[in-house]
Amino acid sequence: NIKWKIVVGHHPMYTGGSRTEGYDTKAIRNTLKPMFDKYKVDV
């Protein structure tokens, strides 16, 4: 029944703004992206 999985958080994993290589951006990407990829998060 679940057709879409959307996760909402404040800090992005990627950005074309001033924080592209920011510690916060890298922390979220390293921590969450493997899980989100594994379970096929859409957005």
PDB file of all heavy atoms in Angstrom:
ATOM      1  N   ASN A   1       0.816  -1.216   0.000  1.00  0.00           N
ATOM      2  CA  ASN A   1       0.000   0.000   0.000  1.00  0.00           C
ATOM      3  C   ASN A   1       0.851   1.270   0.000  1.00  0.00           C
ATOM      4  O   ASN A   1       0.384   2.329  -0.421  1.00  0.00           O
ATOM      5  CB  ASN A   1      -0.925   0.019   1.222  1.00  0.00           C
ATOM      6  CG  ASN A   1      -1.924  -1.126   1.209  1.00  0.00           C
ATOM      7  OD1 ASN A   1      -2.231  -1.671   0.157  1.00  0.00           O
ATOM      8  ND2 ASN A   1      -2.418  -1.496   2.380  1.00  0.00           N
ATOM      9  N   ILE A   2       2.076   1.162   0.507  1.00  0.00           N
ATOM     10  CA  ILE A   2       2.951   2.335   0.573  1.00  0.00           C
ATOM     11  C   ILE A   2       3.627   2.519  -0.780  1.00  0.00           C
ATOM     12  O   ILE A   2       4.516   1.753  -1.164  1.00  0.00           O
ATOM     13  CB  ILE A   2       3.991   2.199   1.701  1.00  0.00           C
ATOM     14  CG1 ILE A   2       3.276   2.166   3.060  1.00  0.00           C
ATOM     15  CG2 ILE A   2       4.982   3.365   1.655  1.00  0.00           C
ATOM     16  CD1 ILE A   2       4.192   1.968   4.237  1.00  0.00           C
ATOM     17  N   LYS A   3       3.194   3.540  -1.499  1.00  0.00           N
ATOM     18  CA  LYS A   3       3.694   3.793  -2.847  1.00  0.00           C
ATOM     19  C   LYS A   3       4.896   4.738  -2.859  1.00  0.00           C
ATOM     20  O   LYS A   3       5.716   4.697  -3.776  1.00  0.00           O
ATOM     21  CB  LYS A   3       2.585   4.387  -3.722  1.00  0.00           C
ATOM     22  CG  LYS A   3       1.304   3.539  -3.769  1.00  0.00           C
ATOM     23  CD  LYS A   3       1.585   2.126  -4.276  1.00  0.00           C
ATOM     24  CE  LYS A   3       0.317   1.292  -4.329  1.00  0.00           C
ATOM     25  NZ  LYS A   3       0.587  -0.104  -4.753  1.00  0.00           N
ATOM     26  N   TRP A   4       4.983   5.593  -1.830  1.00  0.00           N
ATOM     27  CA  TRP A   4       6.062   6.578  -1.781  1.00  0.00           C
ATOM     28  C   TRP A   4       6.608   6.693  -0.364  1.00  0.00           C
ATOM     29  O   TRP A   4       5.850   6.664   0.604  1.00  0.00           O
ATOM     30  CB  TRP A   4       5.558   7.955  -2.233  1.00  0.00           C
ATOM     31  CG  TRP A   4       4.998   7.971  -3.615  1.00  0.00           C
ATOM     32  CD1 TRP A   4       3.692   7.829  -3.974  1.00  0.00           C
ATOM     33  CD2 TRP A   4       5.731   8.132  -4.836  1.00  0.00           C
ATOM     34  NE1 TRP A   4       3.554   7.894  -5.332  1.00  0.00           N
ATOM     35  CE2 TRP A   4       4.798   8.091  -5.893  1.00  0.00           C
ATOM     36  CE3 TRP A   4       7.086   8.331  -5.138  1.00  0.00           C
ATOM     37  CZ2 TRP A   4       5.178   8.229  -7.231  1.00  0.00           C
ATOM     38  CZ3 TRP A   4       7.460   8.462  -6.463  1.00  0.00           C
ATOM     39  CH2 TRP A   4       6.516   8.411  -7.494  1.00  0.00           C
ATOM     40  N   LYS A   5       7.929   6.849  -0.265  1.00  0.00           N
ATOM     41  CA  LYS A   5       8.591   7.086   1.016  1.00  0.00           C
ATOM     42  C   LYS A   5       9.323   8.424   0.937  1.00  0.00           C
ATOM     43  O   LYS A   5      10.216   8.611   0.118  1.00  0.00           O
ATOM     44  CB  LYS A   5       9.586   5.963   1.327  1.00  0.00           C
ATOM     45  CG  LYS A   5       8.944   4.601   1.517  1.00  0.00           C
ATOM     46  CD  LYS A   5       9.988   3.520   1.719  1.00  0.00           C
ATOM     47  CE  LYS A   5       9.343   2.134   1.855  1.00  0.00           C
ATOM     48  NZ  LYS A   5      10.378   1.057   2.005  1.00  0.00           N
ATOM     49  N   ILE A   6       8.900   9.348   1.799  1.00  0.00           N
ATOM     50  CA  ILE A   6       9.497  10.686   1.843  1.00  0.00           C
ATOM     51  C   ILE A   6      10.011  10.928   3.256  1.00  0.00           C
ATOM     52  O   ILE A   6       9.274  10.752   4.233  1.00  0.00           O
ATOM     53  CB  ILE A   6       8.464  11.768   1.466  1.00  0.00           C
ATOM     54  CG1 ILE A   6       7.919  11.520   0.050  1.00  0.00           C
ATOM     55  CG2 ILE A   6       9.083  13.160   1.569  1.00  0.00           C
ATOM     56  CD1 ILE A   6       6.786  12.465  -0.335  1.00  0.00           C
ATOM     57  N   VAL A   7      11.271  11.316   3.365  1.00  0.00           N
ATOM     58  CA  VAL A   7      11.854  11.653   4.662  1.00  0.00           C
ATOM     59  C   VAL A   7      12.099  13.153   4.701  1.00  0.00           C
ATOM     60  O   VAL A   7      12.576  13.748   3.721  1.00  0.00           O
ATOM     61  CB  VAL A   7      13.174  10.902   4.907  1.00  0.00           C
ATOM     62  CG1 VAL A   7      13.770  11.289   6.267  1.00  0.00           C
ATOM     63  CG2 VAL A   7      12.962   9.391   4.843  1.00  0.00           C
ATOM     64  N   VAL A   8      11.746  13.777   5.835  1.00  0.00           N
ATOM     65  CA  VAL A   8      11.914  15.217   6.014  1.00  0.00           C
ATOM     66  C   VAL A   8      12.894  15.463   7.160  1.00  0.00           C
ATOM     67  O   VAL A   8      12.694  14.964   8.272  1.00  0.00           O
ATOM     68  CB  VAL A   8      10.573  15.908   6.328  1.00  0.00           C
ATOM     69  CG1 VAL A   8      10.756  17.422   6.401  1.00  0.00           C
ATOM     70  CG2 VAL A   8       9.506  15.540   5.306  1.00  0.00           C
ATOM     71  N   GLY A   9      13.943  16.209   6.885  1.00  0.00           N
ATOM     72  CA  GLY A   9      14.904  16.605   7.912  1.00  0.00           C
ATOM     73  C   GLY A   9      15.418  17.997   7.596  1.00  0.00           C
ATOM     74  O   GLY A   9      15.271  18.482   6.469  1.00  0.00           O
ATOM     75  N   HIS A  10      16.042  18.645   8.558  1.00  0.00           N
ATOM     76  CA  HIS A  10      16.482  20.026   8.308  1.00  0.00           C
ATOM     77  C   HIS A  10      17.733  20.095   7.449  1.00  0.00           C
ATOM     78  O   HIS A  10      17.809  20.892   6.509  1.00  0.00           O
ATOM     79  CB  HIS A  10      16.733  20.750   9.632  1.00  0.00           C
ATOM     80  CG  HIS A  10      17.189  22.168   9.445  1.00  0.00           C
ATOM     81  ND1 HIS A  10      16.402  23.121   8.835  1.00  0.00           N
ATOM     82  CD2 HIS A  10      18.369  22.790   9.761  1.00  0.00           C
ATOM     83  CE1 HIS A  10      17.055  24.273   8.801  1.00  0.00           C
ATOM     84  NE2 HIS A  10      18.251  24.097   9.346  1.00  0.00           N
ATOM     85  N   HIS A  11      18.730  19.268   7.755  1.00  0.00           N
ATOM     86  CA  HIS A  11      20.024  19.391   7.084  1.00  0.00           C
ATOM     87  C   HIS A  11      20.076  18.525   5.823  1.00  0.00           C
ATOM     88  O   HIS A  11      19.749  17.340   5.878  1.00  0.00           O
ATOM     89  CB  HIS A  11      21.147  18.987   8.039  1.00  0.00           C
ATOM     90  CG  HIS A  11      21.258  19.868   9.245  1.00  0.00           C
ATOM     91  ND1 HIS A  11      20.542  19.628  10.404  1.00  0.00           N
ATOM     92  CD2 HIS A  11      21.972  20.993   9.447  1.00  0.00           C
ATOM     93  CE1 HIS A  11      20.830  20.583  11.285  1.00  0.00           C
ATOM     94  NE2 HIS A  11      21.687  21.425  10.732  1.00  0.00           N
ATOM     95  N   PRO A  12      20.500  19.094   4.695  1.00  0.00           N
ATOM     96  CA  PRO A  12      20.550  18.332   3.442  1.00  0.00           C
ATOM     97  C   PRO A  12      21.749  17.399   3.371  1.00  0.00           C
ATOM     98  O   PRO A  12      22.717  17.551   4.123  1.00  0.00           O
ATOM     99  CB  PRO A  12      20.652  19.428   2.375  1.00  0.00           C
ATOM    100  CG  PRO A  12      21.357  20.544   3.074  1.00  0.00           C
ATOM    101  CD  PRO A  12      20.899  20.494   4.509  1.00  0.00           C
ATOM    102  N   MET A  13      21.659  16.426   2.452  1.00  0.00           N
ATOM    103  CA  MET A  13      22.793  15.545   2.158  1.00  0.00           C
ATOM    104  C   MET A  13      23.695  16.127   1.079  1.00  0.00           C
ATOM    105  O   MET A  13      24.888  15.846   1.030  1.00  0.00           O
ATOM    106  CB  MET A  13      22.297  14.183   1.685  1.00  0.00           C
ATOM    107  CG  MET A  13      21.585  13.366   2.715  1.00  0.00           C
ATOM    108  SD  MET A  13      21.238  11.716   2.059  1.00  0.00           S
ATOM    109  CE  MET A  13      20.098  11.131   3.301  1.00  0.00           C
ATOM    110  N   TYR A  14      23.076  16.880   0.183  1.00  0.00           N
ATOM    111  CA  TYR A  14      23.789  17.541  -0.904  1.00  0.00           C
ATOM    112  C   TYR A  14      23.239  18.949  -1.025  1.00  0.00           C
ATOM    113  O   TYR A  14      22.069  19.198  -0.728  1.00  0.00           O
ATOM    114  CB  TYR A  14      23.571  16.820  -2.240  1.00  0.00           C
ATOM    115  CG  TYR A  14      24.035  15.385  -2.269  1.00  0.00           C
ATOM    116  CD1 TYR A  14      23.140  14.347  -2.040  1.00  0.00           C
ATOM    117  CD2 TYR A  14      25.367  15.066  -2.528  1.00  0.00           C
ATOM    118  CE1 TYR A  14      23.552  13.020  -2.079  1.00  0.00           C
ATOM    119  CE2 TYR A  14      25.798  13.750  -2.567  1.00  0.00           C
ATOM    120  CZ  TYR A  14      24.890  12.731  -2.343  1.00  0.00           C
ATOM    121  OH  TYR A  14      25.303  11.428  -2.366  1.00  0.00           O
ATOM    122  N   THR A  15      24.076  19.874  -1.481  1.00  0.00           N
ATOM    123  CA  THR A  15      23.610  21.231  -1.686  1.00  0.00           C
ATOM    124  C   THR A  15      24.544  21.977  -2.629  1.00  0.00           C
ATOM    125  O   THR A  15      25.768  21.790  -2.588  1.00  0.00           O
ATOM    126  CB  THR A  15      23.492  22.014  -0.365  1.00  0.00           C
ATOM    127  OG1 THR A  15      23.223  23.392  -0.663  1.00  0.00           O
ATOM    128  CG2 THR A  15      24.763  21.926   0.472  1.00  0.00           C
ATOM    129  N   GLY A  16      23.945  22.819  -3.445  1.00  0.00           N
ATOM    130  CA  GLY A  16      24.701  23.734  -4.282  1.00  0.00           C
ATOM    131  C   GLY A  16      24.808  25.106  -3.647  1.00  0.00           C
ATOM    132  O   GLY A  16      25.159  26.074  -4.312  1.00  0.00           O
ATOM    133  N   GLY A  17      24.526  25.189  -2.357  1.00  0.00           N
ATOM    134  CA  GLY A  17      24.668  26.444  -1.624  1.00  0.00           C
ATOM    135  C   GLY A  17      26.035  26.547  -0.992  1.00  0.00           C
ATOM    136  O   GLY A  17      27.013  25.945  -1.444  1.00  0.00           O
ATOM    137  N   SER A  18      26.117  27.272   0.110  1.00  0.00           N
ATOM    138  CA  SER A  18      27.413  27.540   0.747  1.00  0.00           C
ATOM    139  C   SER A  18      27.941  26.363   1.551  1.00  0.00           C
ATOM    140  O   SER A  18      29.091  26.372   1.968  1.00  0.00           O
ATOM    141  CB  SER A  18      27.292  28.756   1.667  1.00  0.00           C
ATOM    142  OG  SER A  18      26.368  28.493   2.720  1.00  0.00           O
ATOM    143  N   ARG A  19      27.109  25.328   1.763  1.00  0.00           N
ATOM    144  CA  ARG A  19      27.505  24.226   2.644  1.00  0.00           C
ATOM    145  C   ARG A  19      27.783  22.930   1.875  1.00  0.00           C
ATOM    146  O   ARG A  19      27.612  21.844   2.415  1.00  0.00           O
ATOM    147  CB  ARG A  19      26.417  23.990   3.692  1.00  0.00           C
ATOM    148  CG  ARG A  19      26.142  25.201   4.579  1.00  0.00           C
ATOM    149  CD  ARG A  19      25.007  24.926   5.536  1.00  0.00           C
ATOM    150  NE  ARG A  19      24.816  25.964   6.500  1.00  0.00           N
ATOM    151  CZ  ARG A  19      23.945  26.965   6.385  1.00  0.00           C
ATOM    152  NH1 ARG A  19      23.187  27.061   5.304  1.00  0.00           N
ATOM    153  NH2 ARG A  19      23.826  27.880   7.337  1.00  0.00           N
ATOM    154  N   THR A  20      28.203  23.041   0.628  1.00  0.00           N
ATOM    155  CA  THR A  20      28.442  21.854  -0.205  1.00  0.00           C
ATOM    156  C   THR A  20      29.378  20.873   0.485  1.00  0.00           C
ATOM    157  O   THR A  20      29.148  19.658   0.496  1.00  0.00           O
ATOM    158  CB  THR A  20      29.030  22.257  -1.567  1.00  0.00           C
ATOM    159  OG1 THR A  20      28.127  23.169  -2.204  1.00  0.00           O
ATOM    160  CG2 THR A  20      29.222  21.043  -2.464  1.00  0.00           C
ATOM    161  N   GLU A  21      30.445  21.385   1.069  1.00  0.00           N
ATOM    162  CA  GLU A  21      31.417  20.548   1.772  1.00  0.00           C
ATOM    163  C   GLU A  21      31.376  20.798   3.270  1.00  0.00           C
ATOM    164  O   GLU A  21      32.361  20.571   3.974  1.00  0.00           O
ATOM    165  CB  GLU A  21      32.831  20.814   1.222  1.00  0.00           C
ATOM    166  CG  GLU A  21      33.005  20.462  -0.256  1.00  0.00           C
ATOM    167  CD  GLU A  21      32.748  18.991  -0.530  1.00  0.00           C
ATOM    168  OE1 GLU A  21      33.077  18.160   0.340  1.00  0.00           O
ATOM    169  OE2 GLU A  21      32.209  18.670  -1.613  1.00  0.00           O
ATOM    170  N   GLY A  22      30.262  21.273   3.773  1.00  0.00           N
ATOM    171  CA  GLY A  22      30.136  21.562   5.193  1.00  0.00           C
ATOM    172  C   GLY A  22      30.116  20.305   6.044  1.00  0.00           C
ATOM    173  O   GLY A  22      29.703  19.236   5.592  1.00  0.00           O
ATOM    174  N   TYR A  23      30.560  20.434   7.278  1.00  0.00           N
ATOM    175  CA  TYR A  23      30.590  19.278   8.189  1.00  0.00           C
ATOM    176  C   TYR A  23      29.196  18.731   8.428  1.00  0.00           C
ATOM    177  O   TYR A  23      29.008  17.518   8.577  1.00  0.00           O
ATOM    178  CB  TYR A  23      31.251  19.655   9.518  1.00  0.00           C
ATOM    179  CG  TYR A  23      30.493  20.680  10.338  1.00  0.00           C
ATOM    180  CD1 TYR A  23      29.463  20.280  11.198  1.00  0.00           C
ATOM    181  CD2 TYR A  23      30.808  22.032  10.272  1.00  0.00           C
ATOM    182  CE1 TYR A  23      28.758  21.204  11.949  1.00  0.00           C
ATOM    183  CE2 TYR A  23      30.106  22.965  11.021  1.00  0.00           C
ATOM    184  CZ  TYR A  23      29.087  22.554  11.859  1.00  0.00           C
ATOM    185  OH  TYR A  23      28.379  23.467  12.604  1.00  0.00           O
ATOM    186  N   ASP A  24      28.191  19.613   8.448  1.00  0.00           N
ATOM    187  CA  ASP A  24      26.826  19.153   8.692  1.00  0.00           C
ATOM    188  C   ASP A  24      26.284  18.375   7.492  1.00  0.00           C
ATOM    189  O   ASP A  24      25.644  17.331   7.658  1.00  0.00           O
ATOM    190  CB  ASP A  24      25.908  20.326   9.049  1.00  0.00           C
ATOM    191  CG  ASP A  24      26.134  21.568   8.188  1.00  0.00           C
ATOM    192  OD1 ASP A  24      26.926  21.501   7.227  1.00  0.00           O
ATOM    193  OD2 ASP A  24      25.511  22.608   8.486  1.00  0.00           O
ATOM    194  N   THR A  25      26.556  18.868   6.278  1.00  0.00           N
ATOM    195  CA  THR A  25      26.123  18.167   5.065  1.00  0.00           C
ATOM    196  C   THR A  25      26.751  16.780   4.987  1.00  0.00           C
ATOM    197  O   THR A  25      26.075  15.776   4.714  1.00  0.00           O
ATOM    198  CB  THR A  25      26.504  18.981   3.808  1.00  0.00           C
ATOM    199  OG1 THR A  25      25.980  20.308   3.935  1.00  0.00           O
ATOM    200  CG2 THR A  25      25.961  18.335   2.540  1.00  0.00           C
ATOM    201  N   LYS A  26      28.055  16.711   5.237  1.00  0.00           N
ATOM    202  CA  LYS A  26      28.766  15.421   5.176  1.00  0.00           C
ATOM    203  C   LYS A  26      28.263  14.460   6.255  1.00  0.00           C
ATOM    204  O   LYS A  26      28.127  13.259   6.011  1.00  0.00           O
ATOM    205  CB  LYS A  26      30.271  15.645   5.340  1.00  0.00           C
ATOM    206  CG  LYS A  26      30.926  16.340   4.158  1.00  0.00           C
ATOM    207  CD  LYS A  26      32.407  16.542   4.420  1.00  0.00           C
ATOM    208  CE  LYS A  26      33.101  17.210   3.241  1.00  0.00           C
ATOM    209  NZ  LYS A  26      34.541  17.445   3.522  1.00  0.00           N
ATOM    210  N   ALA A  27      27.983  14.995   7.440  1.00  0.00           N
ATOM    211  CA  ALA A  27      27.529  14.138   8.543  1.00  0.00           C
ATOM    212  C   ALA A  27      26.202  13.469   8.201  1.00  0.00           C
ATOM    213  O   ALA A  27      26.023  12.268   8.427  1.00  0.00           O
ATOM    214  CB  ALA A  27      27.395  14.961   9.826  1.00  0.00           C
ATOM    215  N   ILE A  28      25.267  14.233   7.631  1.00  0.00           N
ATOM    216  CA  ILE A  28      23.961  13.670   7.290  1.00  0.00           C
ATOM    217  C   ILE A  28      24.087  12.674   6.151  1.00  0.00           C
ATOM    218  O   ILE A  28      23.469  11.599   6.175  1.00  0.00           O
ATOM    219  CB  ILE A  28      22.970  14.797   6.928  1.00  0.00           C
ATOM    220  CG1 ILE A  28      22.768  15.736   8.135  1.00  0.00           C
ATOM    221  CG2 ILE A  28      21.635  14.221   6.486  1.00  0.00           C
ATOM    222  CD1 ILE A  28      22.352  15.045   9.411  1.00  0.00           C
ATOM    223  N   ARG A  29      24.894  13.002   5.159  1.00  0.00           N
ATOM    224  CA  ARG A  29      25.073  12.095   4.025  1.00  0.00           C
ATOM    225  C   ARG A  29      25.708  10.778   4.475  1.00  0.00           C
ATOM    226  O   ARG A  29      25.240   9.694   4.100  1.00  0.00           O
ATOM    227  CB  ARG A  29      25.935  12.767   2.953  1.00  0.00           C
ATOM    228  CG  ARG A  29      26.099  11.918   1.697  1.00  0.00           C
ATOM    229  CD  ARG A  29      26.652  12.735   0.552  1.00  0.00           C
ATOM    230  NE  ARG A  29      28.012  13.186   0.748  1.00  0.00           N
ATOM    231  CZ  ARG A  29      28.375  14.470   0.818  1.00  0.00           C
ATOM    232  NH1 ARG A  29      27.464  15.427   0.730  1.00  0.00           N
ATOM    233  NH2 ARG A  29      29.632  14.805   0.980  1.00  0.00           N
ATOM    234  N   ASN A  30      26.752  10.858   5.274  1.00  0.00           N
ATOM    235  CA  ASN A  30      27.450   9.646   5.710  1.00  0.00           C
ATOM    236  C   ASN A  30      26.591   8.797   6.641  1.00  0.00           C
ATOM    237  O   ASN A  30      26.660   7.559   6.617  1.00  0.00           O
ATOM    238  CB  ASN A  30      28.763  10.014   6.414  1.00  0.00           C
ATOM    239  CG  ASN A  30      29.764  10.655   5.475  1.00  0.00           C
ATOM    240  OD1 ASN A  30      29.683  10.458   4.263  1.00  0.00           O
ATOM    241  ND2 ASN A  30      30.691  11.420   6.008  1.00  0.00           N
ATOM    242  N   THR A  31      25.755   9.450   7.439  1.00  0.00           N
ATOM    243  CA  THR A  31      24.955   8.730   8.426  1.00  0.00           C
ATOM    244  C   THR A  31      23.698   8.098   7.819  1.00  0.00           C
ATOM    245  O   THR A  31      23.350   6.961   8.146  1.00  0.00           O
ATOM    246  CB  THR A  31      24.534   9.682   9.570  1.00  0.00           C
ATOM    247  OG1 THR A  31      25.713  10.230  10.170  1.00  0.00           O
ATOM    248  CG2 THR A  31      23.726   8.948  10.627  1.00  0.00           C
ATOM    249  N   LEU A  32      23.031   8.830   6.945  1.00  0.00           N
ATOM    250  CA  LEU A  32      21.695   8.408   6.517  1.00  0.00           C
ATOM    251  C   LEU A  32      21.592   7.864   5.098  1.00  0.00           C
ATOM    252  O   LEU A  32      20.693   7.066   4.811  1.00  0.00           O
ATOM    253  CB  LEU A  32      20.726   9.593   6.665  1.00  0.00           C
ATOM    254  CG  LEU A  32      20.508  10.102   8.087  1.00  0.00           C
ATOM    255  CD1 LEU A  32      19.521  11.262   8.079  1.00  0.00           C
ATOM    256  CD2 LEU A  32      20.032   9.002   9.016  1.00  0.00           C
ATOM    257  N   LYS A  33      22.457   8.282   4.206  1.00  0.00           N
ATOM    258  CA  LYS A  33      22.285   7.873   2.816  1.00  0.00           C
ATOM    259  C   LYS A  33      22.313   6.351   2.625  1.00  0.00           C
ATOM    260  O   LYS A  33      21.491   5.804   1.874  1.00  0.00           O
ATOM    261  CB  LYS A  33      23.312   8.532   1.905  1.00  0.00           C
ATOM    262  CG  LYS A  33      23.007   8.281   0.418  1.00  0.00           C
ATOM    263  CD  LYS A  33      23.928   9.046  -0.496  1.00  0.00           C
ATOM    264  CE  LYS A  33      23.507   8.850  -1.955  1.00  0.00           C
ATOM    265  NZ  LYS A  33      23.567   7.440  -2.385  1.00  0.00           N
ATOM    266  N   PRO A  34      23.224   5.602   3.275  1.00  0.00           N
ATOM    267  CA  PRO A  34      23.207   4.141   3.103  1.00  0.00           C
ATOM    268  C   PRO A  34      21.861   3.515   3.483  1.00  0.00           C
ATOM    269  O   PRO A  34      21.357   2.640   2.780  1.00  0.00           O
ATOM    270  CB  PRO A  34      24.334   3.665   4.021  1.00  0.00           C
ATOM    271  CG  PRO A  34      25.264   4.835   4.108  1.00  0.00           C
ATOM    272  CD  PRO A  34      24.380   6.035   4.092  1.00  0.00           C
ATOM    273  N   MET A  35      21.258   3.991   4.573  1.00  0.00           N
ATOM    274  CA  MET A  35      19.961   3.469   4.995  1.00  0.00           C
ATOM    275  C   MET A  35      18.864   3.841   4.002  1.00  0.00           C
ATOM    276  O   MET A  35      18.033   3.017   3.629  1.00  0.00           O
ATOM    277  CB  MET A  35      19.585   4.003   6.386  1.00  0.00           C
ATOM    278  CG  MET A  35      18.274   3.445   6.923  1.00  0.00           C
ATOM    279  SD  MET A  35      17.589   4.394   8.314  1.00  0.00           S
ATOM    280  CE  MET A  35      18.931   4.358   9.475  1.00  0.00           C
ATOM    281  N   PHE A  36      18.883   5.087   3.562  1.00  0.00           N
ATOM    282  CA  PHE A  36      17.846   5.552   2.644  1.00  0.00           C
ATOM    283  C   PHE A  36      17.950   4.844   1.298  1.00  0.00           C
ATOM    284  O   PHE A  36      16.939   4.544   0.668  1.00  0.00           O
ATOM    285  CB  PHE A  36      17.936   7.062   2.457  1.00  0.00           C
ATOM    286  CG  PHE A  36      17.547   7.860   3.685  1.00  0.00           C
ATOM    287  CD1 PHE A  36      17.150   7.232   4.858  1.00  0.00           C
ATOM    288  CD2 PHE A  36      17.560   9.242   3.667  1.00  0.00           C
ATOM    289  CE1 PHE A  36      16.788   7.950   5.986  1.00  0.00           C
ATOM    290  CE2 PHE A  36      17.195   9.980   4.782  1.00  0.00           C
ATOM    291  CZ  PHE A  36      16.817   9.329   5.945  1.00  0.00           C
ATOM    292  N   ASP A  37      19.167   4.591   0.856  1.00  0.00           N
ATOM    293  CA  ASP A  37      19.356   3.835  -0.396  1.00  0.00           C
ATOM    294  C   ASP A  37      18.862   2.397  -0.233  1.00  0.00           C
ATOM    295  O   ASP A  37      18.200   1.850  -1.128  1.00  0.00           O
ATOM    296  CB  ASP A  37      20.828   3.834  -0.802  1.00  0.00           C
ATOM    297  CG  ASP A  37      21.276   5.155  -1.419  1.00  0.00           C
ATOM    298  OD1 ASP A  37      20.408   5.936  -1.850  1.00  0.00           O
ATOM    299  OD2 ASP A  37      22.494   5.402  -1.473  1.00  0.00           O
ATOM    300  N   LYS A  38      19.179   1.806   0.896  1.00  0.00           N
ATOM    301  CA  LYS A  38      18.804   0.413   1.153  1.00  0.00           C
ATOM    302  C   LYS A  38      17.290   0.232   1.081  1.00  0.00           C
ATOM    303  O   LYS A  38      16.800  -0.753   0.497  1.00  0.00           O
ATOM    304  CB  LYS A  38      19.322  -0.024   2.523  1.00  0.00           C
ATOM    305  CG  LYS A  38      18.950  -1.448   2.903  1.00  0.00           C
ATOM    306  CD  LYS A  38      19.511  -1.804   4.285  1.00  0.00           C
ATOM    307  CE  LYS A  38      19.117  -3.212   4.687  1.00  0.00           C
ATOM    308  NZ  LYS A  38      19.656  -3.555   6.048  1.00  0.00           N
ATOM    309  N   TYR A  39      16.559   1.174   1.658  1.00  0.00           N
ATOM    310  CA  TYR A  39      15.101   1.037   1.727  1.00  0.00           C
ATOM    311  C   TYR A  39      14.376   1.871   0.669  1.00  0.00           C
ATOM    312  O   TYR A  39      13.176   2.067   0.756  1.00  0.00           O
ATOM    313  CB  TYR A  39      14.622   1.389   3.137  1.00  0.00           C
ATOM    314  CG  TYR A  39      15.151   0.415   4.159  1.00  0.00           C
ATOM    315  CD1 TYR A  39      16.092   0.813   5.103  1.00  0.00           C
ATOM    316  CD2 TYR A  39      14.750  -0.921   4.157  1.00  0.00           C
ATOM    317  CE1 TYR A  39      16.600  -0.091   6.032  1.00  0.00           C
ATOM    318  CE2 TYR A  39      15.257  -1.827   5.073  1.00  0.00           C
ATOM    319  CZ  TYR A  39      16.180  -1.406   6.009  1.00  0.00           C
ATOM    320  OH  TYR A  39      16.689  -2.302   6.920  1.00  0.00           O
ATOM    321  N   LYS A  40      15.149   2.331  -0.318  1.00  0.00           N
ATOM    322  CA  LYS A  40      14.576   2.997  -1.493  1.00  0.00           C
ATOM    323  C   LYS A  40      13.671   4.181  -1.139  1.00  0.00           C
ATOM    324  O   LYS A  40      12.506   4.258  -1.561  1.00  0.00           O
ATOM    325  CB  LYS A  40      13.838   1.984  -2.367  1.00  0.00           C
ATOM    326  CG  LYS A  40      14.752   0.924  -2.980  1.00  0.00           C
ATOM    327  CD  LYS A  40      14.001  -0.056  -3.852  1.00  0.00           C
ATOM    328  CE  LYS A  40      14.919  -0.959  -4.661  1.00  0.00           C
ATOM    329  NZ  LYS A  40      16.160  -1.395  -4.022  1.00  0.00           N
ATOM    330  N   VAL A  41      14.225   5.098  -0.355  1.00  0.00           N
ATOM    331  CA  VAL A  41      13.520   6.355  -0.087  1.00  0.00           C
ATOM    332  C   VAL A  41      13.421   7.125  -1.404  1.00  0.00           C
ATOM    333  O   VAL A  41      14.392   7.249  -2.149  1.00  0.00           O
ATOM    334  CB  VAL A  41      14.275   7.187   0.968  1.00  0.00           C
ATOM    335  CG1 VAL A  41      13.721   8.602   1.060  1.00  0.00           C
ATOM    336  CG2 VAL A  41      14.194   6.496   2.329  1.00  0.00           C
ATOM    337  N   ASP A  42      12.244   7.619  -1.700  1.00  0.00           N
ATOM    338  CA  ASP A  42      12.029   8.324  -2.967  1.00  0.00           C
ATOM    339  C   ASP A  42      12.528   9.764  -2.910  1.00  0.00           C
ATOM    340  O   ASP A  42      13.158  10.241  -3.858  1.00  0.00           O
ATOM    341  CB  ASP A  42      10.538   8.312  -3.315  1.00  0.00           C
ATOM    342  CG  ASP A  42      10.013   6.906  -3.543  1.00  0.00           C
ATOM    343  OD1 ASP A  42      10.418   6.284  -4.534  1.00  0.00           O
ATOM    344  OD2 ASP A  42       9.222   6.434  -2.703  1.00  0.00           O
ATOM    345  N   VAL A  43      12.225  10.453  -1.800  1.00  0.00           N
ATOM    346  CA  VAL A  43      12.570  11.869  -1.684  1.00  0.00           C
ATOM    347  C   VAL A  43      13.096  12.156  -0.292  1.00  0.00           C
ATOM    348  O   VAL A  43      12.499  11.720   0.710  1.00  0.00           O
ATOM    349  CB  VAL A  43      11.343  12.778  -1.956  1.00  0.00           C
ATOM    350  CG1 VAL A  43      11.693  14.245  -1.724  1.00  0.00           C
ATOM    351  CG2 VAL A  43      10.824  12.581  -3.370  1.00  0.00           C
TER     352      VAL A  43
END
